[in-house]
C-alpha atoms as a PDB file:
ATOM      1  CA  MET A   1      41.000   0.190  36.685  1.00  0.00           C
ATOM      2  CA  ARG A   2      42.557   0.196  33.220  1.00  0.00           C
ATOM      3  CA  ARG A   3      40.556  -0.452  30.071  1.00  0.00           C
ATOM      4  CA  SER A   4      40.487  -4.087  28.912  1.00  0.00           C
ATOM      5  CA  THR A   5      41.955  -4.848  25.489  1.00  0.00           C
ATOM      6  CA  LEU A   6      41.809  -7.530  22.842  1.00  0.00           C
ATOM      7  CA  LYS A   7      45.200  -8.683  24.123  1.00  0.00           C
ATOM      8  CA  ASP A   8      43.705  -9.396  27.572  1.00  0.00           C
ATOM      9  CA  ILE A   9      40.951 -11.539  26.026  1.00  0.00           C
ATOM     10  CA  ALA A  10      43.498 -13.350  23.865  1.00  0.00           C
ATOM     11  CA  LYS A  11      45.561 -14.310  26.935  1.00  0.00           C
ATOM     12  CA  LEU A  12      42.545 -15.815  28.703  1.00  0.00           C
ATOM     13  CA  THR A  13      41.183 -17.672  25.670  1.00  0.00           C
ATOM     14  CA  GLY A  14      44.423 -18.837  24.100  1.00  0.00           C
ATOM     15  CA  LEU A  15      43.511 -17.248  20.793  1.00  0.00           C
ATOM     16  CA  SER A  16      45.425 -14.728  18.731  1.00  0.00           C
ATOM     17  CA  ILE A  17      44.389 -11.064  18.886  1.00  0.00           C
ATOM     18  CA  SER A  18      43.092 -11.273  15.316  1.00  0.00           C
ATOM     19  CA  GLY A  19      41.136 -14.406  16.219  1.00  0.00           C
ATOM     20  CA  VAL A  20      39.500 -12.621  19.156  1.00  0.00           C
ATOM     21  CA  SER A  21      38.631  -9.671  16.938  1.00  0.00           C
ATOM     22  CA  ARG A  22      36.994 -11.920  14.336  1.00  0.00           C
ATOM     23  CA  ALA A  23      35.072 -13.832  17.016  1.00  0.00           C
ATOM     24  CA  LEU A  24      33.647 -10.591  18.437  1.00  0.00           C
ATOM     25  CA  LYS A  25      32.560  -9.610  14.933  1.00  0.00           C
ATOM     26  CA  ASP A  26      30.817 -12.974  14.356  1.00  0.00           C
ATOM     27  CA  HIS A  27      33.140 -13.910  11.507  1.00  0.00           C
ATOM     28  CA  PRO A  28      31.848 -17.060   9.728  1.00  0.00           C
ATOM     29  CA  ASP A  29      35.279 -18.744   9.902  1.00  0.00           C
ATOM     30  CA  ILE A  30      35.110 -18.829  13.722  1.00  0.00           C
ATOM     31  CA  ALA A  31      33.272 -21.720  15.403  1.00  0.00           C
ATOM     32  CA  LEU A  32      30.123 -20.862  17.359  1.00  0.00           C
ATOM     33  CA  GLU A  33      31.547 -22.383  20.553  1.00  0.00           C
ATOM     34  CA  THR A  34      34.658 -20.201  20.239  1.00  0.00           C
ATOM     35  CA  LYS A  35      32.577 -17.078  19.630  1.00  0.00           C
ATOM     36  CA  GLU A  36      30.526 -17.736  22.742  1.00  0.00           C
ATOM     37  CA  LYS A  37      33.636 -18.317  24.843  1.00  0.00           C
ATOM     38  CA  VAL A  38      35.277 -15.098  23.600  1.00  0.00           C
ATOM     39  CA  LYS A  39      32.124 -13.046  24.231  1.00  0.00           C
ATOM     40  CA  GLU A  40      31.789 -14.500  27.727  1.00  0.00           C
ATOM     41  CA  VAL A  41      35.351 -13.463  28.581  1.00  0.00           C
ATOM     42  CA  ALA A  42      34.823 -10.031  26.992  1.00  0.00           C
ATOM     43  CA  ASN A  43      31.735  -9.477  29.145  1.00  0.00           C
ATOM     44  CA  ALA A  44      33.570 -10.586  32.273  1.00  0.00           C
ATOM     45  CA  LEU A  45      36.358  -8.102  31.545  1.00  0.00           C
ATOM     46  CA  ASN A  46      33.834  -5.354  30.697  1.00  0.00           C
ATOM     47  CA  TYR A  47      35.525  -4.997  27.338  1.00  0.00           C
ATOM     48  CA  HIS A  48      34.445  -2.200  24.989  1.00  0.00           C
ATOM     49  CA  PRO A  49      35.939  -1.577  21.531  1.00  0.00           C
ATOM     50  CA  ASN A  50      38.266   1.384  21.178  1.00  0.00           C
ATOM     51  CA  PRO A  51      36.278   4.054  19.275  1.00  0.00           C
ATOM     52  CA  ASN A  52      39.422   5.523  17.716  1.00  0.00           C
ATOM     53  CA  ALA A  53      40.438   2.124  16.392  1.00  0.00           C
ATOM     54  CA  GLN A  54      36.942   1.596  15.041  1.00  0.00           C
ATOM     55  CA  PHE A  55      37.084   4.928  13.292  1.00  0.00           C
ATOM     56  CA  LEU A  56      40.444   4.131  11.677  1.00  0.00           C
ATOM     57  CA  HIS A  57      38.980   0.887  10.406  1.00  0.00           C
ATOM     58  CA  SER A  58      35.594   2.128   9.131  1.00  0.00           C
ATOM     59  CA  LYS A  59      36.276   5.874   8.682  1.00  0.00           C
ATOM     60  CA  GLN A  60      33.009   6.470  10.560  1.00  0.00           C
ATOM     61  CA  SER A  61      32.548   7.480  14.189  1.00  0.00           C
ATOM     62  CA  LYS A  62      28.729   7.118  14.005  1.00  0.00           C
ATOM     63  CA  ILE A  63      28.526  10.349  16.029  1.00  0.00           C
ATOM     64  CA  ILE A  64      26.490  13.452  15.168  1.00  0.00           C
ATOM     65  CA  ALA A  65      27.159  16.653  17.117  1.00  0.00           C
ATOM     66  CA  VAL A  66      24.612  19.390  17.733  1.00  0.00           C
ATOM     67  CA  ILE A  67      25.917  22.844  18.689  1.00  0.00           C
ATOM     68  CA  LEU A  68      23.340  25.299  20.018  1.00  0.00           C
ATOM     69  CA  PRO A  69      23.789  28.774  21.553  1.00  0.00           C
ATOM     70  CA  GLU A  70      21.506  27.906  24.479  1.00  0.00           C
ATOM     71  CA  VAL A  71      18.755  25.578  25.594  1.00  0.00           C
ATOM     72  CA  ASN A  72      15.936  27.497  27.238  1.00  0.00           C
ATOM     73  CA  THR A  73      12.299  26.562  27.749  1.00  0.00           C
ATOM     74  CA  PHE A  74      11.396  27.390  24.174  1.00  0.00           C
ATOM     75  CA  PHE A  75      12.173  25.967  20.738  1.00  0.00           C
ATOM     76  CA  PHE A  76      15.651  24.432  21.105  1.00  0.00           C
ATOM     77  CA  PRO A  77      14.543  21.490  23.313  1.00  0.00           C
ATOM     78  CA  GLU A  78      12.093  20.610  20.544  1.00  0.00           C
ATOM     79  CA  VAL A  79      14.870  20.949  17.955  1.00  0.00           C
ATOM     80  CA  LEU A  80      16.954  18.434  19.911  1.00  0.00           C
ATOM     81  CA  GLN A  81      14.022  16.054  20.113  1.00  0.00           C
ATOM     82  CA  GLY A  82      13.505  16.195  16.350  1.00  0.00           C
ATOM     83  CA  ILE A  83      17.207  15.614  15.674  1.00  0.00           C
ATOM     84  CA  SER A  84      17.476  12.787  18.207  1.00  0.00           C
ATOM     85  CA  SER A  85      14.662  10.747  16.677  1.00  0.00           C
ATOM     86  CA  VAL A  86      16.269  10.831  13.217  1.00  0.00           C
ATOM     87  CA  VAL A  87      19.793  10.149  14.504  1.00  0.00           C
ATOM     88  CA  GLU A  88      18.614   7.134  16.513  1.00  0.00           C
ATOM     89  CA  ARG A  89      16.697   5.770  13.529  1.00  0.00           C
ATOM     90  CA  HIS A  90      19.925   5.772  11.507  1.00  0.00           C
ATOM     91  CA  GLY A  91      21.857   3.941  14.228  1.00  0.00           C
ATOM     92  CA  TYR A  92      24.058   6.906  15.146  1.00  0.00           C
ATOM     93  CA  PHE A  93      24.808   8.576  18.474  1.00  0.00           C
ATOM     94  CA  LEU A  94      24.121  12.202  19.358  1.00  0.00           C
ATOM     95  CA  ILE A  95      26.229  14.584  21.432  1.00  0.00           C
ATOM     96  CA  PHE A  96      24.992  18.023  22.447  1.00  0.00           C
ATOM     97  CA  LEU A  97      27.372  20.976  22.860  1.00  0.00           C
ATOM     98  CA  GLN A  98      26.446  24.499  23.999  1.00  0.00           C
ATOM     99  CA  SER A  99      28.284  27.597  22.777  1.00  0.00           C
ATOM    100  CA  ASP A 100      26.704  29.925  25.385  1.00  0.00           C
ATOM    101  CA  ASN A 101      26.042  32.259  22.452  1.00  0.00           C
ATOM    102  CA  ARG A 102      29.788  33.094  22.212  1.00  0.00           C
ATOM    103  CA  PHE A 103      31.764  32.886  18.973  1.00  0.00           C
ATOM    104  CA  SER A 104      35.006  31.997  20.795  1.00  0.00           C
ATOM    105  CA  ARG A 105      33.321  29.021  22.451  1.00  0.00           C
ATOM    106  CA  GLU A 106      31.690  28.023  19.168  1.00  0.00           C
ATOM    107  CA  LYS A 107      35.120  27.789  17.496  1.00  0.00           C
ATOM    108  CA  GLU A 108      36.446  25.690  20.401  1.00  0.00           C
ATOM    109  CA  LEU A 109      33.550  23.278  20.002  1.00  0.00           C
ATOM    110  CA  ILE A 110      34.192  22.953  16.263  1.00  0.00           C
ATOM    111  CA  ASP A 111      37.815  22.043  17.041  1.00  0.00           C
ATOM    112  CA  TYR A 112      36.533  19.473  19.536  1.00  0.00           C
ATOM    113  CA  CYS A 113      34.286  17.973  16.853  1.00  0.00           C
ATOM    114  CA  ILE A 114      37.325  17.628  14.592  1.00  0.00           C
ATOM    115  CA  GLN A 115      39.229  15.831  17.361  1.00  0.00           C
ATOM    116  CA  MET A 116      36.252  13.526  17.981  1.00  0.00           C
ATOM    117  CA  PHE A 117      36.025  12.603  14.269  1.00  0.00           C
ATOM    118  CA  VAL A 118      32.273  13.257  14.315  1.00  0.00           C
ATOM    119  CA  ASP A 119      30.551  12.373  11.061  1.00  0.00           C
ATOM    120  CA  GLY A 120      28.258  15.387  11.012  1.00  0.00           C
ATOM    121  CA  VAL A 121      27.515  18.678  12.770  1.00  0.00           C
ATOM    122  CA  LEU A 122      24.223  20.530  13.076  1.00  0.00           C
ATOM    123  CA  ILE A 123      24.811  24.059  14.334  1.00  0.00           C
ATOM    124  CA  SER A 124      22.807  27.134  15.225  1.00  0.00           C
ATOM    125  CA  VAL A 125      25.364  29.938  15.229  1.00  0.00           C
ATOM    126  CA  SER A 126      25.886  32.461  18.021  1.00  0.00           C
ATOM    127  CA  SER A 127      24.865  36.126  17.899  1.00  0.00           C
ATOM    128  CA  GLU A 128      28.566  36.996  17.632  1.00  0.00           C
ATOM    129  CA  THR A 129      29.249  34.809  14.575  1.00  0.00           C
ATOM    130  CA  THR A 130      29.917  36.875  11.457  1.00  0.00           C
ATOM    131  CA  ASP A 131      31.832  34.440   9.230  1.00  0.00           C
ATOM    132  CA  LEU A 132      31.912  30.717   8.530  1.00  0.00           C
ATOM    133  CA  GLU A 133      35.648  30.045   8.284  1.00  0.00           C
ATOM    134  CA  HIS A 134      35.538  27.590  11.198  1.00  0.00           C
ATOM    135  CA  LEU A 135      32.682  25.657   9.553  1.00  0.00           C
ATOM    136  CA  LEU A 136      34.473  25.612   6.204  1.00  0.00           C
ATOM    137  CA  LYS A 137      37.517  24.177   8.017  1.00  0.00           C
ATOM    138  CA  LEU A 138      35.317  21.426   9.452  1.00  0.00           C
ATOM    139  CA  GLN A 139      33.827  20.724   6.038  1.00  0.00           C
ATOM    140  CA  GLU A 140      37.297  20.531   4.475  1.00  0.00           C
ATOM    141  CA  MET A 141      38.184  17.849   7.053  1.00  0.00           C
ATOM    142  CA  GLY A 142      35.406  15.699   5.597  1.00  0.00           C
ATOM    143  CA  THR A 143      32.695  16.405   8.180  1.00  0.00           C
ATOM    144  CA  SER A 144      29.232  17.271   6.881  1.00  0.00           C
ATOM    145  CA  VAL A 145      27.801  20.515   8.306  1.00  0.00           C
ATOM    146  CA  ILE A 146      24.350  22.076   8.270  1.00  0.00           C
ATOM    147  CA  GLN A 147      23.294  25.363   9.879  1.00  0.00           C
ATOM    148  CA  ILE A 148      19.848  25.431  11.469  1.00  0.00           C
ATOM    149  CA  ASP A 149      17.523  28.280  12.508  1.00  0.00           C
ATOM    150  CA  ARG A 150      20.153  30.897  13.439  1.00  0.00           C
ATOM    151  CA  VAL A 151      22.172  30.887  10.237  1.00  0.00           C
ATOM    152  CA  LEU A 152      24.489  32.907   8.030  1.00  0.00           C
ATOM    153  CA  SER A 153      23.330  32.845   4.417  1.00  0.00           C
ATOM    154  CA  ASN A 154      26.065  31.628   2.059  1.00  0.00           C
ATOM    155  CA  ASP A 155      26.722  29.415  -0.970  1.00  0.00           C
ATOM    156  CA  LEU A 156      28.990  26.787   0.637  1.00  0.00           C
ATOM    157  CA  ILE A 157      27.504  25.608   3.953  1.00  0.00           C
ATOM    158  CA  PRO A 158      23.899  24.305   3.693  1.00  0.00           C
ATOM    159  CA  TYR A 159      21.391  25.984   5.989  1.00  0.00           C
ATOM    160  CA  LEU A 160      17.836  25.143   6.972  1.00  0.00           C
ATOM    161  CA  THR A 161      15.368  27.601   8.427  1.00  0.00           C
ATOM    162  CA  ILE A 162      12.011  29.222   7.782  1.00  0.00           C
ATOM    163  CA  ASP A 163      11.412  32.185   5.486  1.00  0.00           C
ATOM    164  CA  ASP A 164      11.821  34.650   8.362  1.00  0.00           C
ATOM    165  CA  ALA A 165      10.683  37.749   6.489  1.00  0.00           C
ATOM    166  CA  ALA A 166       7.618  35.984   5.119  1.00  0.00           C
ATOM    167  CA  ALA A 167       6.672  34.644   8.565  1.00  0.00           C
ATOM    168  CA  SER A 168       6.617  38.079  10.214  1.00  0.00           C
ATOM    169  CA  TYR A 169       4.927  39.590   7.151  1.00  0.00           C
ATOM    170  CA  LYS A 170       2.165  36.976   7.390  1.00  0.00           C
ATOM    171  CA  ALA A 171       1.642  37.653  11.104  1.00  0.00           C
ATOM    172  CA  VAL A 172       1.502  41.442  10.860  1.00  0.00           C
ATOM    173  CA  GLU A 173      -0.641  41.423   7.736  1.00  0.00           C
ATOM    174  CA  TYR A 174      -3.133  39.293   9.684  1.00  0.00           C
ATOM    175  CA  LEU A 175      -3.268  42.040  12.344  1.00  0.00           C
ATOM    176  CA  ILE A 176      -3.786  44.741   9.721  1.00  0.00           C
ATOM    177  CA  LYS A 177      -6.583  42.799   8.059  1.00  0.00           C
ATOM    178  CA  LYS A 178      -8.228  42.573  11.484  1.00  0.00           C
ATOM    179  CA  GLY A 179      -8.200  46.381  11.631  1.00  0.00           C
ATOM    180  CA  HIS A 180      -5.000  47.105  13.571  1.00  0.00           C
ATOM    181  CA  LYS A 181      -2.684  49.876  12.359  1.00  0.00           C
ATOM    182  CA  HIS A 182      -0.821  50.900  15.531  1.00  0.00           C
ATOM    183  CA  ILE A 183       1.363  47.863  16.138  1.00  0.00           C
ATOM    184  CA  ILE A 184       4.577  47.324  18.082  1.00  0.00           C
ATOM    185  CA  GLY A 185       6.993  44.685  16.787  1.00  0.00           C
ATOM    186  CA  ILE A 186       9.283  43.170  19.434  1.00  0.00           C
ATOM    187  CA  PHE A 187      12.510  41.671  18.094  1.00  0.00           C
ATOM    188  CA  ASP A 188      15.458  39.744  19.494  1.00  0.00           C
ATOM    189  CA  ASP A 189      19.187  40.514  19.220  1.00  0.00           C
ATOM    190  CA  ASP A 190      19.740  42.527  16.009  1.00  0.00           C
ATOM    191  CA  ARG A 191      23.120  40.861  15.441  1.00  0.00           C
ATOM    192  CA  LEU A 192      21.179  37.807  14.260  1.00  0.00           C
ATOM    193  CA  GLY A 193      20.332  37.521  10.590  1.00  0.00           C
ATOM    194  CA  MET A 194      16.933  36.060  11.450  1.00  0.00           C
ATOM    195  CA  THR A 195      16.096  39.133  13.543  1.00  0.00           C
ATOM    196  CA  ASN A 196      16.851  41.514  10.689  1.00  0.00           C
ATOM    197  CA  LEU A 197      14.861  39.409   8.243  1.00  0.00           C
ATOM    198  CA  ARG A 198      11.844  39.308  10.552  1.00  0.00           C
ATOM    199  CA  ALA A 199      12.121  43.060  11.123  1.00  0.00           C
ATOM    200  CA  THR A 200      12.267  43.558   7.340  1.00  0.00           C
ATOM    201  CA  GLY A 201       9.091  41.519   6.920  1.00  0.00           C
ATOM    202  CA  PHE A 202       7.440  43.645   9.622  1.00  0.00           C
ATOM    203  CA  LYS A 203       8.337  46.886   7.830  1.00  0.00           C
ATOM    204  CA  ASN A 204       7.345  45.568   4.405  1.00  0.00           C
ATOM    205  CA  VAL A 205       3.763  44.990   5.501  1.00  0.00           C
ATOM    206  CA  PHE A 206       3.319  48.667   6.333  1.00  0.00           C
ATOM    207  CA  ASP A 207       4.881  49.698   3.020  1.00  0.00           C
ATOM    208  CA  GLN A 208       2.675  47.295   1.074  1.00  0.00           C
ATOM    209  CA  HIS A 209      -0.491  48.550   2.778  1.00  0.00           C
ATOM    210  CA  GLN A 210       0.672  52.194   2.659  1.00  0.00           C
ATOM    211  CA  ILE A 211       0.406  52.614   6.419  1.00  0.00           C
ATOM    212  CA  PRO A 212       2.893  54.993   8.106  1.00  0.00           C
ATOM    213  CA  LEU A 213       5.321  53.181  10.401  1.00  0.00           C
ATOM    214  CA  GLU A 214       5.695  55.071  13.659  1.00  0.00           C
ATOM    215  CA  ASN A 215       9.154  55.738  15.078  1.00  0.00           C
ATOM    216  CA  ASP A 216       8.605  53.646  18.203  1.00  0.00           C
ATOM    217  CA  SER A 217       6.920  50.726  16.410  1.00  0.00           C
ATOM    218  CA  ILE A 218      10.030  48.522  16.549  1.00  0.00           C
ATOM    219  CA  LEU A 219      11.491  47.370  19.862  1.00  0.00           C
ATOM    220  CA  VAL A 220      14.821  45.497  19.636  1.00  0.00           C
ATOM    221  CA  VAL A 221      15.954  43.509  22.670  1.00  0.00           C
ATOM    222  CA  ARG A 222      19.491  42.376  23.397  1.00  0.00           C
ATOM    223  CA  GLU A 223      20.578  40.130  26.244  1.00  0.00           C
ATOM    224  CA  GLY A 224      20.356  42.051  29.506  1.00  0.00           C
ATOM    225  CA  ASP A 225      17.823  44.575  28.209  1.00  0.00           C
ATOM    226  CA  ASP A 226      14.730  44.976  30.371  1.00  0.00           C
ATOM    227  CA  VAL A 227      12.168  44.479  27.631  1.00  0.00           C
ATOM    228  CA  GLU A 228       9.270  44.442  30.079  1.00  0.00           C
ATOM    229  CA  GLU A 229      10.068  47.896  31.437  1.00  0.00           C
ATOM    230  CA  VAL A 230      10.588  49.401  27.974  1.00  0.00           C
ATOM    231  CA  LEU A 231       7.414  47.834  26.601  1.00  0.00           C
ATOM    232  CA  ALA A 232       5.360  48.893  29.623  1.00  0.00           C
ATOM    233  CA  LYS A 233       6.542  52.467  29.165  1.00  0.00           C
ATOM    234  CA  ARG A 234       5.659  52.499  25.450  1.00  0.00           C
ATOM    235  CA  LEU A 235       2.193  51.084  26.046  1.00  0.00           C
ATOM    236  CA  ASP A 236       1.600  53.546  28.876  1.00  0.00           C
ATOM    237  CA  GLU A 237       2.750  56.545  26.810  1.00  0.00           C
ATOM    238  CA  ASN A 238       0.964  55.537  23.594  1.00  0.00           C
ATOM    239  CA  PRO A 239      -2.588  54.285  24.279  1.00  0.00           C
ATOM    240  CA  SER A 240      -3.277  54.213  20.523  1.00  0.00           C
ATOM    241  CA  ILE A 241      -1.288  50.969  20.255  1.00  0.00           C
ATOM    242  CA  THR A 242      -3.762  48.128  19.721  1.00  0.00           C
ATOM    243  CA  ALA A 243      -1.560  45.141  18.859  1.00  0.00           C
ATOM    244  CA  LEU A 244       1.798  43.514  19.568  1.00  0.00           C
ATOM    245  CA  PHE A 245       3.864  41.195  17.385  1.00  0.00           C
ATOM    246  CA  THR A 246       6.697  39.176  18.963  1.00  0.00           C
ATOM    247  CA  MET A 247       9.284  37.290  16.932  1.00  0.00           C
ATOM    248  CA  SER A 248       9.708  34.410  19.430  1.00  0.00           C
ATOM    249  CA  ASP A 249       8.090  32.531  22.300  1.00  0.00           C
ATOM    250  CA  LYS A 250      10.519  34.043  24.805  1.00  0.00           C
ATOM    251  CA  LEU A 251       9.438  37.554  23.837  1.00  0.00           C
ATOM    252  CA  LEU A 252       5.790  36.472  23.674  1.00  0.00           C
ATOM    253  CA  VAL A 253       5.782  35.404  27.313  1.00  0.00           C
ATOM    254  CA  ARG A 254       7.506  38.591  28.439  1.00  0.00           C
ATOM    255  CA  ALA A 255       5.049  40.737  26.469  1.00  0.00           C
ATOM    256  CA  TYR A 256       2.153  38.792  27.973  1.00  0.00           C
ATOM    257  CA  HIS A 257       3.505  39.527  31.477  1.00  0.00           C
ATOM    258  CA  VAL A 258       3.505  43.249  30.687  1.00  0.00           C
ATOM    259  CA  ILE A 259      -0.062  43.123  29.435  1.00  0.00           C
ATOM    260  CA  GLN A 260      -1.162  41.383  32.624  1.00  0.00           C
ATOM    261  CA  ARG A 261       0.783  43.814  34.807  1.00  0.00           C
ATOM    262  CA  LEU A 262      -0.911  46.795  33.159  1.00  0.00           C
ATOM    263  CA  ASN A 263      -4.317  45.177  33.693  1.00  0.00           C
ATOM    264  CA  LEU A 264      -4.963  45.093  29.945  1.00  0.00           C
ATOM    265  CA  LYS A 265      -7.104  42.393  28.406  1.00  0.00           C
ATOM    266  CA  VAL A 266      -6.279  40.262  25.370  1.00  0.00           C
ATOM    267  CA  PRO A 267      -7.710  40.847  22.786  1.00  0.00           C
ATOM    268  CA  ASP A 268     -10.120  43.573  23.991  1.00  0.00           C
ATOM    269  CA  ASP A 269      -7.424  46.128  24.879  1.00  0.00           C
ATOM    270  CA  VAL A 270      -4.482  44.790  22.917  1.00  0.00           C
ATOM    271  CA  ALA A 271      -4.126  41.995  20.358  1.00  0.00           C
ATOM    272  CA  LEU A 272      -1.147  39.656  20.499  1.00  0.00           C
ATOM    273  CA  ILE A 273       0.457  37.500  17.794  1.00  0.00           C
ATOM    274  CA  SER A 274       3.810  35.722  17.627  1.00  0.00           C
ATOM    275  CA  ILE A 275       6.102  33.450  15.685  1.00  0.00           C
ATOM    276  CA  SER A 276       6.051  30.389  17.907  1.00  0.00           C
ATOM    277  CA  ASP A 277       6.995  26.750  18.288  1.00  0.00           C
ATOM    278  CA  GLY A 278       3.299  26.236  18.967  1.00  0.00           C
ATOM    279  CA  LYS A 279       3.313  25.113  22.592  1.00  0.00           C
ATOM    280  CA  ALA A 280       3.536  28.349  24.633  1.00  0.00           C
ATOM    281  CA  PRO A 281       0.470  29.904  22.919  1.00  0.00           C
ATOM    282  CA  HIS A 282      -1.705  27.136  24.358  1.00  0.00           C
ATOM    283  CA  TYR A 283      -0.410  27.708  27.907  1.00  0.00           C
ATOM    284  CA  LEU A 284      -1.693  31.301  27.945  1.00  0.00           C
ATOM    285  CA  PHE A 285      -5.274  32.594  28.095  1.00  0.00           C
ATOM    286  CA  PRO A 286      -6.692  33.306  25.714  1.00  0.00           C
ATOM    287  CA  GLY A 287      -4.677  31.111  23.385  1.00  0.00           C
ATOM    288  CA  ILE A 288      -2.263  33.180  21.305  1.00  0.00           C
ATOM    289  CA  THR A 289      -2.681  33.307  17.533  1.00  0.00           C
ATOM    290  CA  HIS A 290       0.697  32.478  16.023  1.00  0.00           C
ATOM    291  CA  ILE A 291       2.798  31.558  13.015  1.00  0.00           C
ATOM    292  CA  ARG A 292       3.782  28.011  13.905  1.00  0.00           C
ATOM    293  CA  HIS A 293       7.523  27.445  13.582  1.00  0.00           C
ATOM    294  CA  SER A 294       7.984  23.924  14.925  1.00  0.00           C
ATOM    295  CA  GLY A 295      11.374  23.236  16.508  1.00  0.00           C
ATOM    296  CA  GLU A 296      10.786  19.502  16.221  1.00  0.00           C
ATOM    297  CA  GLU A 297      10.096  19.815  12.496  1.00  0.00           C
ATOM    298  CA  VAL A 298      13.222  21.948  12.036  1.00  0.00           C
ATOM    299  CA  GLY A 299      15.357  19.401  13.931  1.00  0.00           C
ATOM    300  CA  SER A 300      13.901  16.420  12.069  1.00  0.00           C
ATOM    301  CA  ALA A 301      14.258  18.092   8.649  1.00  0.00           C
ATOM    302  CA  ALA A 302      17.838  19.195   9.371  1.00  0.00           C
ATOM    303  CA  ALA A 303      18.923  15.736  10.546  1.00  0.00           C
ATOM    304  CA  THR A 304      17.229  14.101   7.541  1.00  0.00           C
ATOM    305  CA  LEU A 305      19.081  16.490   5.227  1.00  0.00           C
ATOM    306  CA  LEU A 306      22.363  15.711   6.988  1.00  0.00           C
ATOM    307  CA  PHE A 307      21.946  11.966   6.463  1.00  0.00           C
ATOM    308  CA  LYS A 308      21.205  12.554   2.792  1.00  0.00           C
ATOM    309  CA  ILE A 309      24.584  14.272   2.527  1.00  0.00           C
ATOM    310  CA  LEU A 310      26.298  11.511   4.525  1.00  0.00           C
ATOM    311  CA  SER A 311      24.872   8.909   2.142  1.00  0.00           C
ATOM    312  CA  GLY A 312      26.312  10.787  -0.831  1.00  0.00           C
ATOM    313  CA  GLU A 313      22.964  12.029  -2.113  1.00  0.00           C
ATOM    314  CA  ALA A 314      23.011  15.390  -3.894  1.00  0.00           C
ATOM    315  CA  ILE A 315      20.946  18.209  -2.367  1.00  0.00           C
ATOM    316  CA  ASP A 316      19.459  21.212  -4.153  1.00  0.00           C
ATOM    317  CA  GLY A 317      21.345  24.398  -3.291  1.00  0.00           C
ATOM    318  CA  PRO A 318      22.398  25.667   0.131  1.00  0.00           C
ATOM    319  CA  PHE A 319      19.030  27.028   1.348  1.00  0.00           C
ATOM    320  CA  HIS A 320      16.382  24.632   2.626  1.00  0.00           C
ATOM    321  CA  GLU A 321      13.083  25.877   4.020  1.00  0.00           C
ATOM    322  CA  VAL A 322      10.660  24.583   6.636  1.00  0.00           C
ATOM    323  CA  GLU A 323       7.103  25.756   6.025  1.00  0.00           C
ATOM    324  CA  THR A 324       5.163  27.786   8.611  1.00  0.00           C
ATOM    325  CA  THR A 325       1.411  27.929   9.163  1.00  0.00           C
ATOM    326  CA  LEU A 326      -0.950  30.464  10.715  1.00  0.00           C
ATOM    327  CA  VAL A 327      -2.770  29.104  13.780  1.00  0.00           C
ATOM    328  CA  GLU A 328      -5.764  31.211  14.773  1.00  0.00           C
ATOM    329  CA  LEU A 329      -6.616  31.167  18.483  1.00  0.00           C
ATOM    330  CA  GLY A 330      -8.219  33.856  20.630  1.00  0.00           C
ATOM    331  CA  SER A 331      -5.693  36.683  20.980  1.00  0.00           C
ATOM    332  CA  VAL A 332      -6.609  38.840  17.944  1.00  0.00           C
END
């Protein structure tokens, strides 16, 4: 069945196409009886306005796109929830696109956003992304862009995230103040800027407190690596280790599995702390002390910033920060 048009409604009502269009838009020059008749016919024909024609008229698609590398159990679903609530409040529509953590796919999705005339894009870049040329192209086409969480620092494309180095510093310093010196830090893909920043924060704590950093204190995990086997081996070979820091919920859960498998107790045998969205720590026992990095707050703040830009409001600089807080539970 073909899509109904204004011309079809005009034929059935005896009005001109422009008259039908004005009736559907509740123009004051059109009689109420005529408006009702036109809307009745439009409903019967299942008529829907052409989005491309609407865009050409208003220069707005009312669509916001979100591009994420993945959607797993942790963090990103909460980011989407935070974005969705703000987008709906502004009367816009949200489309979600997944890059599968591949730069080639990310570029294809940016091209798709250009074709769709989306008004704004919120993007968390892939591990493979090393430049922002594709985002600058989108921006030059008049589409507002903001990077969230996984970002590339720059002066042209706004980005919103936490202070990654400060978050890991805060977590590890908490362990040290509790008496722990032999600590393993578990980090995600080192191609990500956030990973390197969190690793830097980890190292800086030891420097600041003049504690030697052991060679095997940092464990970096890429996709496909068996982090549980590597961690189990390190814990087995080095019983002096008394605490673990993980940079994400995904790594927290995997570390917790290792601890359980080795029949170690938290916090008696090994302390555990993480940067976390704040939900996973409460699912484990004992509850895991963490630096709360709320995905919902990140999503809401990013979408709010995007609508400021769309409204023409000036924003201060490219970097925008979401605060983190230390939540003390029972794992340290």
